[in-house]
Amino acid sequence: MNETEFFKALADPTRRAVFERLADGEMNATALRQGFAMSQPAISQHLAVLRSAGLIAEQKLGRNVMYRINPDGIARMHQWLSRYHAFWPKRVDELRQLLKEMDQ
């Protein structure tokens, strides 16, 4: 899995909504589909994209497949984003200084 895959996976609003639902806890595809106007095969395709990006994991329990957020996928995304976190404090300070100068 690389950064491009998880950003591509989350670029779709439906996949983001499915991913956000899974933040509330483990669910099967039928429960995840509720509230969406889409077929079971369509939700399965979205789940496959999220799974191949490493953002979710699945576990078979009898006849059901349960989906959950994959902590390793989230850790990789967080690791990528944290590289850019260092840029923001300096920029905010520079903006604050600019605004202060504009007020004077």
PDB file of N, CA and C in Angstrom:
ATOM      1  N   MET A   1       0.841  -1.176   0.000  1.00  0.00           N
ATOM      2  CA  MET A   1       0.000   0.000   0.000  1.00  0.00           C
ATOM      3  C   MET A   1       0.888   1.241   0.000  1.00  0.00           C
ATOM      4  N   ASN A   2       0.528   2.220  -0.835  1.00  0.00           N
ATOM      5  CA  ASN A   2       1.243   3.485  -0.811  1.00  0.00           C
ATOM      6  C   ASN A   2       0.260   4.621  -0.565  1.00  0.00           C
ATOM      7  N   GLU A   3       0.803   5.815  -0.417  1.00  0.00           N
ATOM      8  CA  GLU A   3      -0.031   6.966  -0.093  1.00  0.00           C
ATOM      9  C   GLU A   3      -1.092   7.227  -1.148  1.00  0.00           C
ATOM     10  N   THR A   4      -0.732   7.041  -2.408  1.00  0.00           N
ATOM     11  CA  THR A   4      -1.672   7.300  -3.492  1.00  0.00           C
ATOM     12  C   THR A   4      -2.918   6.436  -3.349  1.00  0.00           C
ATOM     13  N   GLU A   5      -2.735   5.192  -2.970  1.00  0.00           N
ATOM     14  CA  GLU A   5      -3.871   4.279  -2.838  1.00  0.00           C
ATOM     15  C   GLU A   5      -4.851   4.728  -1.771  1.00  0.00           C
ATOM     16  N   PHE A   6      -4.369   5.120  -0.580  1.00  0.00           N
ATOM     17  CA  PHE A   6      -5.346   5.482   0.431  1.00  0.00           C
ATOM     18  C   PHE A   6      -5.997   6.832   0.153  1.00  0.00           C
ATOM     19  N   PHE A   7      -5.286   7.748  -0.504  1.00  0.00           N
ATOM     20  CA  PHE A   7      -5.935   9.001  -0.856  1.00  0.00           C
ATOM     21  C   PHE A   7      -6.932   8.809  -1.997  1.00  0.00           C
ATOM     22  N   LYS A   8      -6.607   7.948  -2.955  1.00  0.00           N
ATOM     23  CA  LYS A   8      -7.562   7.637  -4.021  1.00  0.00           C
ATOM     24  C   LYS A   8      -8.800   6.962  -3.449  1.00  0.00           C
ATOM     25  N   ALA A   9      -8.589   6.067  -2.510  1.00  0.00           N
ATOM     26  CA  ALA A   9      -9.718   5.349  -1.905  1.00  0.00           C
ATOM     27  C   ALA A   9     -10.640   6.315  -1.171  1.00  0.00           C
ATOM     28  N   LEU A  10     -10.084   7.276  -0.474  1.00  0.00           N
ATOM     29  CA  LEU A  10     -10.895   8.209   0.307  1.00  0.00           C
ATOM     30  C   LEU A  10     -11.360   9.417  -0.505  1.00  0.00           C
ATOM     31  N   ALA A  11     -10.945   9.521  -1.758  1.00  0.00           N
ATOM     32  CA  ALA A  11     -11.386  10.629  -2.605  1.00  0.00           C
ATOM     33  C   ALA A  11     -12.866  10.514  -2.950  1.00  0.00           C
ATOM     34  N   ASP A  12     -13.375   9.305  -2.961  1.00  0.00           N
ATOM     35  CA  ASP A  12     -14.786   9.095  -3.285  1.00  0.00           C
ATOM     36  C   ASP A  12     -15.646   9.378  -2.053  1.00  0.00           C
ATOM     37  N   PRO A  13     -16.680  10.221  -2.171  1.00  0.00           N
ATOM     38  CA  PRO A  13     -17.499  10.557  -1.000  1.00  0.00           C
ATOM     39  C   PRO A  13     -18.222   9.362  -0.387  1.00  0.00           C
ATOM     40  N   THR A  14     -18.634   8.412  -1.202  1.00  0.00           N
ATOM     41  CA  THR A  14     -19.303   7.228  -0.657  1.00  0.00           C
ATOM     42  C   THR A  14     -18.336   6.399   0.173  1.00  0.00           C
ATOM     43  N   ARG A  15     -17.123   6.217  -0.339  1.00  0.00           N
ATOM     44  CA  ARG A  15     -16.130   5.443   0.420  1.00  0.00           C
ATOM     45  C   ARG A  15     -15.759   6.156   1.718  1.00  0.00           C
ATOM     46  N   ARG A  16     -15.664   7.489   1.670  1.00  0.00           N
ATOM     47  CA  ARG A  16     -15.391   8.225   2.913  1.00  0.00           C
ATOM     48  C   ARG A  16     -16.510   8.019   3.913  1.00  0.00           C
ATOM     49  N   ALA A  17     -17.754   8.027   3.437  1.00  0.00           N
ATOM     50  CA  ALA A  17     -18.894   7.822   4.337  1.00  0.00           C
ATOM     51  C   ALA A  17     -18.878   6.419   4.925  1.00  0.00           C
ATOM     52  N   VAL A  18     -18.552   5.424   4.117  1.00  0.00           N
ATOM     53  CA  VAL A  18     -18.455   4.040   4.605  1.00  0.00           C
ATOM     54  C   VAL A  18     -17.337   3.948   5.639  1.00  0.00           C
ATOM     55  N   PHE A  19     -16.205   4.541   5.330  1.00  0.00           N
ATOM     56  CA  PHE A  19     -15.063   4.537   6.241  1.00  0.00           C
ATOM     57  C   PHE A  19     -15.436   5.201   7.572  1.00  0.00           C
ATOM     58  N   GLU A  20     -16.150   6.323   7.509  1.00  0.00           N
ATOM     59  CA  GLU A  20     -16.566   7.020   8.726  1.00  0.00           C
ATOM     60  C   GLU A  20     -17.548   6.183   9.539  1.00  0.00           C
ATOM     61  N   ARG A  21     -18.416   5.431   8.870  1.00  0.00           N
ATOM     62  CA  ARG A  21     -19.326   4.540   9.601  1.00  0.00           C
ATOM     63  C   ARG A  21     -18.549   3.476  10.356  1.00  0.00           C
ATOM     64  N   LEU A  22     -17.499   2.986   9.732  1.00  0.00           N
ATOM     65  CA  LEU A  22     -16.703   1.953  10.388  1.00  0.00           C
ATOM     66  C   LEU A  22     -15.936   2.504  11.588  1.00  0.00           C
ATOM     67  N   ALA A  23     -15.782   3.817  11.659  1.00  0.00           N
ATOM     68  CA  ALA A  23     -15.145   4.411  12.841  1.00  0.00           C
ATOM     69  C   ALA A  23     -15.999   4.186  14.080  1.00  0.00           C
ATOM     70  N   ASP A  24     -17.311   3.970  13.877  1.00  0.00           N
ATOM     71  CA  ASP A  24     -18.215   3.695  14.997  1.00  0.00           C
ATOM     72  C   ASP A  24     -18.140   2.245  15.465  1.00  0.00           C
ATOM     73  N   GLY A  25     -17.550   1.380  14.660  1.00  0.00           N
ATOM     74  CA  GLY A  25     -17.414  -0.020  15.041  1.00  0.00           C
ATOM     75  C   GLY A  25     -17.587  -0.953  13.855  1.00  0.00           C
ATOM     76  N   GLU A  26     -17.329  -2.189  14.122  1.00  0.00           N
ATOM     77  CA  GLU A  26     -17.373  -3.249  13.118  1.00  0.00           C
ATOM     78  C   GLU A  26     -18.794  -3.438  12.580  1.00  0.00           C
ATOM     79  N   MET A  27     -18.925  -3.644  11.264  1.00  0.00           N
ATOM     80  CA  MET A  27     -20.234  -3.861  10.641  1.00  0.00           C
ATOM     81  C   MET A  27     -20.104  -4.798   9.456  1.00  0.00           C
ATOM     82  N   ASN A  28     -21.237  -5.403   9.093  1.00  0.00           N
ATOM     83  CA  ASN A  28     -21.252  -6.189   7.864  1.00  0.00           C
ATOM     84  C   ASN A  28     -21.694  -5.288   6.709  1.00  0.00           C
ATOM     85  N   ALA A  29     -21.604  -5.795   5.489  1.00  0.00           N
ATOM     86  CA  ALA A  29     -21.908  -4.990   4.300  1.00  0.00           C
ATOM     87  C   ALA A  29     -23.364  -4.547   4.274  1.00  0.00           C
ATOM     88  N   THR A  30     -24.271  -5.371   4.750  1.00  0.00           N
ATOM     89  CA  THR A  30     -25.687  -5.008   4.766  1.00  0.00           C
ATOM     90  C   THR A  30     -25.921  -3.800   5.668  1.00  0.00           C
ATOM     91  N   ALA A  31     -25.327  -3.796   6.840  1.00  0.00           N
ATOM     92  CA  ALA A  31     -25.471  -2.659   7.757  1.00  0.00           C
ATOM     93  C   ALA A  31     -24.810  -1.415   7.181  1.00  0.00           C
ATOM     94  N   LEU A  32     -23.669  -1.591   6.529  1.00  0.00           N
ATOM     95  CA  LEU A  32     -22.982  -0.448   5.932  1.00  0.00           C
ATOM     96  C   LEU A  32     -23.777   0.164   4.787  1.00  0.00           C
ATOM     97  N   ARG A  33     -24.539  -0.644   4.081  1.00  0.00           N
ATOM     98  CA  ARG A  33     -25.298  -0.192   2.912  1.00  0.00           C
ATOM     99  C   ARG A  33     -26.521   0.628   3.307  1.00  0.00           C
ATOM    100  N   GLN A  34     -27.010   0.462   4.512  1.00  0.00           N
ATOM    101  CA  GLN A  34     -28.209   1.183   4.945  1.00  0.00           C
ATOM    102  C   GLN A  34     -28.016   2.692   4.817  1.00  0.00           C
ATOM    103  N   GLY A  35     -29.008   3.337   4.203  1.00  0.00           N
ATOM    104  CA  GLY A  35     -28.948   4.770   4.002  1.00  0.00           C
ATOM    105  C   GLY A  35     -28.338   5.180   2.678  1.00  0.00           C
ATOM    106  N   PHE A  36     -27.753   4.235   1.969  1.00  0.00           N
ATOM    107  CA  PHE A  36     -27.201   4.515   0.651  1.00  0.00           C
ATOM    108  C   PHE A  36     -28.139   3.938  -0.406  1.00  0.00           C
ATOM    109  N   ALA A  37     -28.320   4.648  -1.486  1.00  0.00           N
ATOM    110  CA  ALA A  37     -29.129   4.146  -2.599  1.00  0.00           C
ATOM    111  C   ALA A  37     -28.208   3.409  -3.556  1.00  0.00           C
ATOM    112  N   MET A  38     -27.779   2.219  -3.125  1.00  0.00           N
ATOM    113  CA  MET A  38     -26.891   1.416  -3.976  1.00  0.00           C
ATOM    114  C   MET A  38     -27.111  -0.059  -3.707  1.00  0.00           C
ATOM    115  N   SER A  39     -26.706  -0.847  -4.653  1.00  0.00           N
ATOM    116  CA  SER A  39     -26.879  -2.290  -4.569  1.00  0.00           C
ATOM    117  C   SER A  39     -25.790  -2.913  -3.683  1.00  0.00           C
ATOM    118  N   GLN A  40     -26.013  -4.151  -3.325  1.00  0.00           N
ATOM    119  CA  GLN A  40     -25.013  -4.893  -2.545  1.00  0.00           C
ATOM    120  C   GLN A  40     -23.700  -5.026  -3.317  1.00  0.00           C
ATOM    121  N   PRO A  41     -23.745  -5.337  -4.645  1.00  0.00           N
ATOM    122  CA  PRO A  41     -22.473  -5.400  -5.382  1.00  0.00           C
ATOM    123  C   PRO A  41     -21.724  -4.063  -5.397  1.00  0.00           C
ATOM    124  N   ALA A  42     -22.460  -2.954  -5.437  1.00  0.00           N
ATOM    125  CA  ALA A  42     -21.800  -1.639  -5.447  1.00  0.00           C
ATOM    126  C   ALA A  42     -21.092  -1.377  -4.126  1.00  0.00           C
ATOM    127  N   ILE A  43     -21.746  -1.679  -3.012  1.00  0.00           N
ATOM    128  CA  ILE A  43     -21.098  -1.476  -1.707  1.00  0.00           C
ATOM    129  C   ILE A  43     -19.900  -2.411  -1.579  1.00  0.00           C
ATOM    130  N   SER A  44     -20.019  -3.616  -2.128  1.00  0.00           N
ATOM    131  CA  SER A  44     -18.895  -4.566  -2.096  1.00  0.00           C
ATOM    132  C   SER A  44     -17.700  -4.026  -2.865  1.00  0.00           C
ATOM    133  N   GLN A  45     -17.957  -3.344  -3.979  1.00  0.00           N
ATOM    134  CA  GLN A  45     -16.855  -2.752  -4.744  1.00  0.00           C
ATOM    135  C   GLN A  45     -16.169  -1.647  -3.943  1.00  0.00           C
ATOM    136  N   HIS A  46     -16.944  -0.827  -3.273  1.00  0.00           N
ATOM    137  CA  HIS A  46     -16.350   0.222  -2.435  1.00  0.00           C
ATOM    138  C   HIS A  46     -15.519  -0.396  -1.313  1.00  0.00           C
ATOM    139  N   LEU A  47     -16.035  -1.440  -0.707  1.00  0.00           N
ATOM    140  CA  LEU A  47     -15.295  -2.120   0.365  1.00  0.00           C
ATOM    141  C   LEU A  47     -14.000  -2.722  -0.166  1.00  0.00           C
ATOM    142  N   ALA A  48     -14.037  -3.256  -1.384  1.00  0.00           N
ATOM    143  CA  ALA A  48     -12.835  -3.842  -1.983  1.00  0.00           C
ATOM    144  C   ALA A  48     -11.754  -2.781  -2.190  1.00  0.00           C
ATOM    145  N   VAL A  49     -12.150  -1.586  -2.617  1.00  0.00           N
ATOM    146  CA  VAL A  49     -11.177  -0.505  -2.814  1.00  0.00           C
ATOM    147  C   VAL A  49     -10.563  -0.100  -1.472  1.00  0.00           C
ATOM    148  N   LEU A  50     -11.396   0.063  -0.458  1.00  0.00           N
ATOM    149  CA  LEU A  50     -10.889   0.421   0.874  1.00  0.00           C
ATOM    150  C   LEU A  50      -9.975  -0.668   1.434  1.00  0.00           C
ATOM    151  N   ARG A  51     -10.344  -1.920   1.188  1.00  0.00           N
ATOM    152  CA  ARG A  51      -9.537  -3.044   1.669  1.00  0.00           C
ATOM    153  C   ARG A  51      -8.193  -3.092   0.935  1.00  0.00           C
ATOM    154  N   SER A  52      -8.202  -2.890  -0.387  1.00  0.00           N
ATOM    155  CA  SER A  52      -6.940  -2.964  -1.131  1.00  0.00           C
ATOM    156  C   SER A  52      -6.016  -1.795  -0.787  1.00  0.00           C
ATOM    157  N   ALA A  53      -6.602  -0.683  -0.337  1.00  0.00           N
ATOM    158  CA  ALA A  53      -5.784   0.451   0.113  1.00  0.00           C
ATOM    159  C   ALA A  53      -5.246   0.231   1.517  1.00  0.00           C
ATOM    160  N   GLY A  54      -5.691  -0.844   2.174  1.00  0.00           N
ATOM    161  CA  GLY A  54      -5.214  -1.153   3.521  1.00  0.00           C
ATOM    162  C   GLY A  54      -5.929  -0.388   4.611  1.00  0.00           C
ATOM    163  N   LEU A  55      -7.038   0.274   4.272  1.00  0.00           N
ATOM    164  CA  LEU A  55      -7.745   1.088   5.261  1.00  0.00           C
ATOM    165  C   LEU A  55      -8.744   0.306   6.086  1.00  0.00           C
ATOM    166  N   ILE A  56      -9.244  -0.800   5.553  1.00  0.00           N
ATOM    167  CA  ILE A  56     -10.157  -1.646   6.317  1.00  0.00           C
ATOM    168  C   ILE A  56      -9.699  -3.091   6.244  1.00  0.00           C
ATOM    169  N   ALA A  57     -10.191  -3.863   7.184  1.00  0.00           N
ATOM    170  CA  ALA A  57      -9.911  -5.299   7.220  1.00  0.00           C
ATOM    171  C   ALA A  57     -11.245  -6.021   7.330  1.00  0.00           C
ATOM    172  N   GLU A  58     -11.234  -7.278   6.952  1.00  0.00           N
ATOM    173  CA  GLU A  58     -12.453  -8.070   7.045  1.00  0.00           C
ATOM    174  C   GLU A  58     -12.190  -9.352   7.815  1.00  0.00           C
ATOM    175  N   GLN A  59     -13.265  -9.861   8.413  1.00  0.00           N
ATOM    176  CA  GLN A  59     -13.171 -11.124   9.146  1.00  0.00           C
ATOM    177  C   GLN A  59     -14.465 -11.885   8.898  1.00  0.00           C
ATOM    178  N   LYS A  60     -14.330 -13.137   8.484  1.00  0.00           N
ATOM    179  CA  LYS A  60     -15.506 -13.974   8.255  1.00  0.00           C
ATOM    180  C   LYS A  60     -15.964 -14.578   9.570  1.00  0.00           C
ATOM    181  N   LEU A  61     -17.250 -14.391   9.842  1.00  0.00           N
ATOM    182  CA  LEU A  61     -17.877 -14.976  11.024  1.00  0.00           C
ATOM    183  C   LEU A  61     -19.090 -15.762  10.543  1.00  0.00           C
ATOM    184  N   GLY A  62     -18.889 -17.057  10.348  1.00  0.00           N
ATOM    185  CA  GLY A  62     -19.963 -17.877   9.794  1.00  0.00           C
ATOM    186  C   GLY A  62     -20.265 -17.443   8.379  1.00  0.00           C
ATOM    187  N   ARG A  63     -21.524 -17.058   8.119  1.00  0.00           N
ATOM    188  CA  ARG A  63     -21.918 -16.624   6.784  1.00  0.00           C
ATOM    189  C   ARG A  63     -21.697 -15.126   6.582  1.00  0.00           C
ATOM    190  N   ASN A  64     -21.398 -14.420   7.634  1.00  0.00           N
ATOM    191  CA  ASN A  64     -21.205 -12.968   7.543  1.00  0.00           C
ATOM    192  C   ASN A  64     -19.736 -12.601   7.420  1.00  0.00           C
ATOM    193  N   VAL A  65     -19.505 -11.488   6.768  1.00  0.00           N
ATOM    194  CA  VAL A  65     -18.172 -10.894   6.713  1.00  0.00           C
ATOM    195  C   VAL A  65     -18.283  -9.559   7.440  1.00  0.00           C
ATOM    196  N   MET A  66     -17.467  -9.398   8.455  1.00  0.00           N
ATOM    197  CA  MET A  66     -17.472  -8.173   9.250  1.00  0.00           C
ATOM    198  C   MET A  66     -16.286  -7.307   8.816  1.00  0.00           C
ATOM    199  N   TYR A  67     -16.553  -6.012   8.691  1.00  0.00           N
ATOM    200  CA  TYR A  67     -15.534  -5.056   8.271  1.00  0.00           C
ATOM    201  C   TYR A  67     -15.219  -4.127   9.430  1.00  0.00           C
ATOM    202  N   ARG A  68     -13.951  -3.724   9.502  1.00  0.00           N
ATOM    203  CA  ARG A  68     -13.516  -2.802  10.536  1.00  0.00           C
ATOM    204  C   ARG A  68     -12.359  -1.981   9.985  1.00  0.00           C
ATOM    205  N   ILE A  69     -12.101  -0.885  10.631  1.00  0.00           N
ATOM    206  CA  ILE A  69     -10.959  -0.058  10.237  1.00  0.00           C
ATOM    207  C   ILE A  69      -9.677  -0.807  10.578  1.00  0.00           C
ATOM    208  N   ASN A  70      -8.723  -0.756   9.669  1.00  0.00           N
ATOM    209  CA  ASN A  70      -7.429  -1.397   9.868  1.00  0.00           C
ATOM    210  C   ASN A  70      -6.482  -0.389  10.525  1.00  0.00           C
ATOM    211  N   PRO A  71      -6.102  -0.614  11.780  1.00  0.00           N
ATOM    212  CA  PRO A  71      -5.219   0.346  12.469  1.00  0.00           C
ATOM    213  C   PRO A  71      -3.890   0.569  11.746  1.00  0.00           C
ATOM    214  N   ASP A  72      -3.374  -0.456  11.081  1.00  0.00           N
ATOM    215  CA  ASP A  72      -2.107  -0.291  10.357  1.00  0.00           C
ATOM    216  C   ASP A  72      -2.257   0.691   9.199  1.00  0.00           C
ATOM    217  N   GLY A  73      -3.397   0.642   8.510  1.00  0.00           N
ATOM    218  CA  GLY A  73      -3.648   1.577   7.416  1.00  0.00           C
ATOM    219  C   GLY A  73      -3.756   3.000   7.913  1.00  0.00           C
ATOM    220  N   ILE A  74      -4.437   3.173   9.037  1.00  0.00           N
ATOM    221  CA  ILE A  74      -4.566   4.504   9.633  1.00  0.00           C
ATOM    222  C   ILE A  74      -3.201   5.005  10.089  1.00  0.00           C
ATOM    223  N   ALA A  75      -2.391   4.131  10.636  1.00  0.00           N
ATOM    224  CA  ALA A  75      -1.054   4.528  11.102  1.00  0.00           C
ATOM    225  C   ALA A  75      -0.206   5.017   9.934  1.00  0.00           C
ATOM    226  N   ARG A  76      -0.299   4.336   8.801  1.00  0.00           N
ATOM    227  CA  ARG A  76       0.478   4.766   7.621  1.00  0.00           C
ATOM    228  C   ARG A  76       0.005   6.123   7.132  1.00  0.00           C
ATOM    229  N   MET A  77      -1.312   6.336   7.125  1.00  0.00           N
ATOM    230  CA  MET A  77      -1.849   7.619   6.692  1.00  0.00           C
ATOM    231  C   MET A  77      -1.398   8.716   7.664  1.00  0.00           C
ATOM    232  N   HIS A  78      -1.478   8.420   8.954  1.00  0.00           N
ATOM    233  CA  HIS A  78      -1.047   9.393   9.968  1.00  0.00           C
ATOM    234  C   HIS A  78       0.436   9.699   9.817  1.00  0.00           C
ATOM    235  N   GLN A  79       1.232   8.692   9.565  1.00  0.00           N
ATOM    236  CA  GLN A  79       2.672   8.876   9.397  1.00  0.00           C
ATOM    237  C   GLN A  79       2.952   9.806   8.209  1.00  0.00           C
ATOM    238  N   TRP A  80       2.242   9.605   7.116  1.00  0.00           N
ATOM    239  CA  TRP A  80       2.427  10.446   5.941  1.00  0.00           C
ATOM    240  C   TRP A  80       2.024  11.891   6.248  1.00  0.00           C
ATOM    241  N   LEU A  81       0.868  12.066   6.877  1.00  0.00           N
ATOM    242  CA  LEU A  81       0.376  13.409   7.186  1.00  0.00           C
ATOM    243  C   LEU A  81       1.243  14.120   8.210  1.00  0.00           C
ATOM    244  N   SER A  82       1.808  13.385   9.151  1.00  0.00           N
ATOM    245  CA  SER A  82       2.602  14.016  10.209  1.00  0.00           C
ATOM    246  C   SER A  82       3.874  14.662   9.669  1.00  0.00           C
ATOM    247  N   ARG A  83       4.352  14.206   8.517  1.00  0.00           N
ATOM    248  CA  ARG A  83       5.528  14.855   7.923  1.00  0.00           C
ATOM    249  C   ARG A  83       5.244  16.319   7.605  1.00  0.00           C
ATOM    250  N   TYR A  84       3.998  16.636   7.322  1.00  0.00           N
ATOM    251  CA  TYR A  84       3.626  17.994   6.930  1.00  0.00           C
ATOM    252  C   TYR A  84       3.140  18.837   8.104  1.00  0.00           C
ATOM    253  N   HIS A  85       2.944  18.213   9.222  1.00  0.00           N
ATOM    254  CA  HIS A  85       2.485  18.921  10.418  1.00  0.00           C
ATOM    255  C   HIS A  85       3.479  20.001  10.835  1.00  0.00           C
ATOM    256  N   ALA A  86       4.740  19.779  10.654  1.00  0.00           N
ATOM    257  CA  ALA A  86       5.776  20.725  11.077  1.00  0.00           C
ATOM    258  C   ALA A  86       5.676  22.060  10.342  1.00  0.00           C
ATOM    259  N   PHE A  87       5.091  22.072   9.148  1.00  0.00           N
ATOM    260  CA  PHE A  87       4.996  23.311   8.377  1.00  0.00           C
ATOM    261  C   PHE A  87       3.952  24.277   8.929  1.00  0.00           C
ATOM    262  N   TRP A  88       2.917  23.774   9.562  1.00  0.00           N
ATOM    263  CA  TRP A  88       1.794  24.629   9.947  1.00  0.00           C
ATOM    264  C   TRP A  88       2.082  25.616  11.063  1.00  0.00           C
ATOM    265  N   PRO A  89       2.706  25.248  12.155  1.00  0.00           N
ATOM    266  CA  PRO A  89       2.936  26.245  13.212  1.00  0.00           C
ATOM    267  C   PRO A  89       3.688  27.477  12.708  1.00  0.00           C
ATOM    268  N   LYS A  90       4.712  27.276  11.902  1.00  0.00           N
ATOM    269  CA  LYS A  90       5.486  28.403  11.380  1.00  0.00           C
ATOM    270  C   LYS A  90       4.602  29.273  10.484  1.00  0.00           C
ATOM    271  N   ARG A  91       3.808  28.663   9.633  1.00  0.00           N
ATOM    272  CA  ARG A  91       2.940  29.428   8.738  1.00  0.00           C
ATOM    273  C   ARG A  91       1.871  30.197   9.509  1.00  0.00           C
ATOM    274  N   VAL A  92       1.322  29.583  10.522  1.00  0.00           N
ATOM    275  CA  VAL A  92       0.319  30.272  11.336  1.00  0.00           C
ATOM    276  C   VAL A  92       0.958  31.460  12.048  1.00  0.00           C
ATOM    277  N   ASP A  93       2.163  31.268  12.564  1.00  0.00           N
ATOM    278  CA  ASP A  93       2.871  32.380  13.218  1.00  0.00           C
ATOM    279  C   ASP A  93       3.142  33.509  12.227  1.00  0.00           C
ATOM    280  N   GLU A  94       3.545  33.155  11.000  1.00  0.00           N
ATOM    281  CA  GLU A  94       3.800  34.167   9.974  1.00  0.00           C
ATOM    282  C   GLU A  94       2.514  34.911   9.613  1.00  0.00           C
ATOM    283  N   LEU A  95       1.405  34.182   9.503  1.00  0.00           N
ATOM    284  CA  LEU A  95       0.118  34.804   9.214  1.00  0.00           C
ATOM    285  C   LEU A  95      -0.291  35.726  10.357  1.00  0.00           C
ATOM    286  N   ARG A  96      -0.120  35.270  11.570  1.00  0.00           N
ATOM    287  CA  ARG A  96      -0.444  36.083  12.746  1.00  0.00           C
ATOM    288  C   ARG A  96       0.354  37.390  12.729  1.00  0.00           C
ATOM    289  N   GLN A  97       1.645  37.280  12.401  1.00  0.00           N
ATOM    290  CA  GLN A  97       2.511  38.469  12.344  1.00  0.00           C
ATOM    291  C   GLN A  97       2.063  39.405  11.227  1.00  0.00           C
ATOM    292  N   LEU A  98       1.720  38.868  10.077  1.00  0.00           N
ATOM    293  CA  LEU A  98       1.256  39.674   8.950  1.00  0.00           C
ATOM    294  C   LEU A  98      -0.023  40.416   9.308  1.00  0.00           C
ATOM    295  N   LEU A  99      -0.954  39.716   9.933  1.00  0.00           N
ATOM    296  CA  LEU A  99      -2.216  40.351  10.331  1.00  0.00           C
ATOM    297  C   LEU A  99      -1.983  41.446  11.356  1.00  0.00           C
ATOM    298  N   LYS A 100      -1.070  41.206  12.248  1.00  0.00           N
ATOM    299  CA  LYS A 100      -0.721  42.203  13.281  1.00  0.00           C
ATOM    300  C   LYS A 100      -0.163  43.445  12.614  1.00  0.00           C
ATOM    301  N   GLU A 101       0.714  43.258  11.633  1.00  0.00           N
ATOM    302  CA  GLU A 101       1.313  44.388  10.908  1.00  0.00           C
ATOM    303  C   GLU A 101       0.256  45.127  10.106  1.00  0.00           C
ATOM    304  N   MET A 102      -0.695  44.417   9.546  1.00  0.00           N
ATOM    305  CA  MET A 102      -1.760  45.058   8.762  1.00  0.00           C
ATOM    306  C   MET A 102      -2.670  45.883   9.645  1.00  0.00           C
ATOM    307  N   ASP A 103      -2.862  45.485  10.879  1.00  0.00           N
ATOM    308  CA  ASP A 103      -3.706  46.228  11.807  1.00  0.00           C
ATOM    309  C   ASP A 103      -3.075  47.546  12.241  1.00  0.00           C
ATOM    310  N   GLN A 104      -1.762  47.628  12.175  1.00  0.00           N
ATOM    311  CA  GLN A 104      -1.074  48.832  12.649  1.00  0.00           C
ATOM    312  C   GLN A 104      -1.081  49.934  11.646  1.00  0.00           C
TER     313      GLN A 104
END
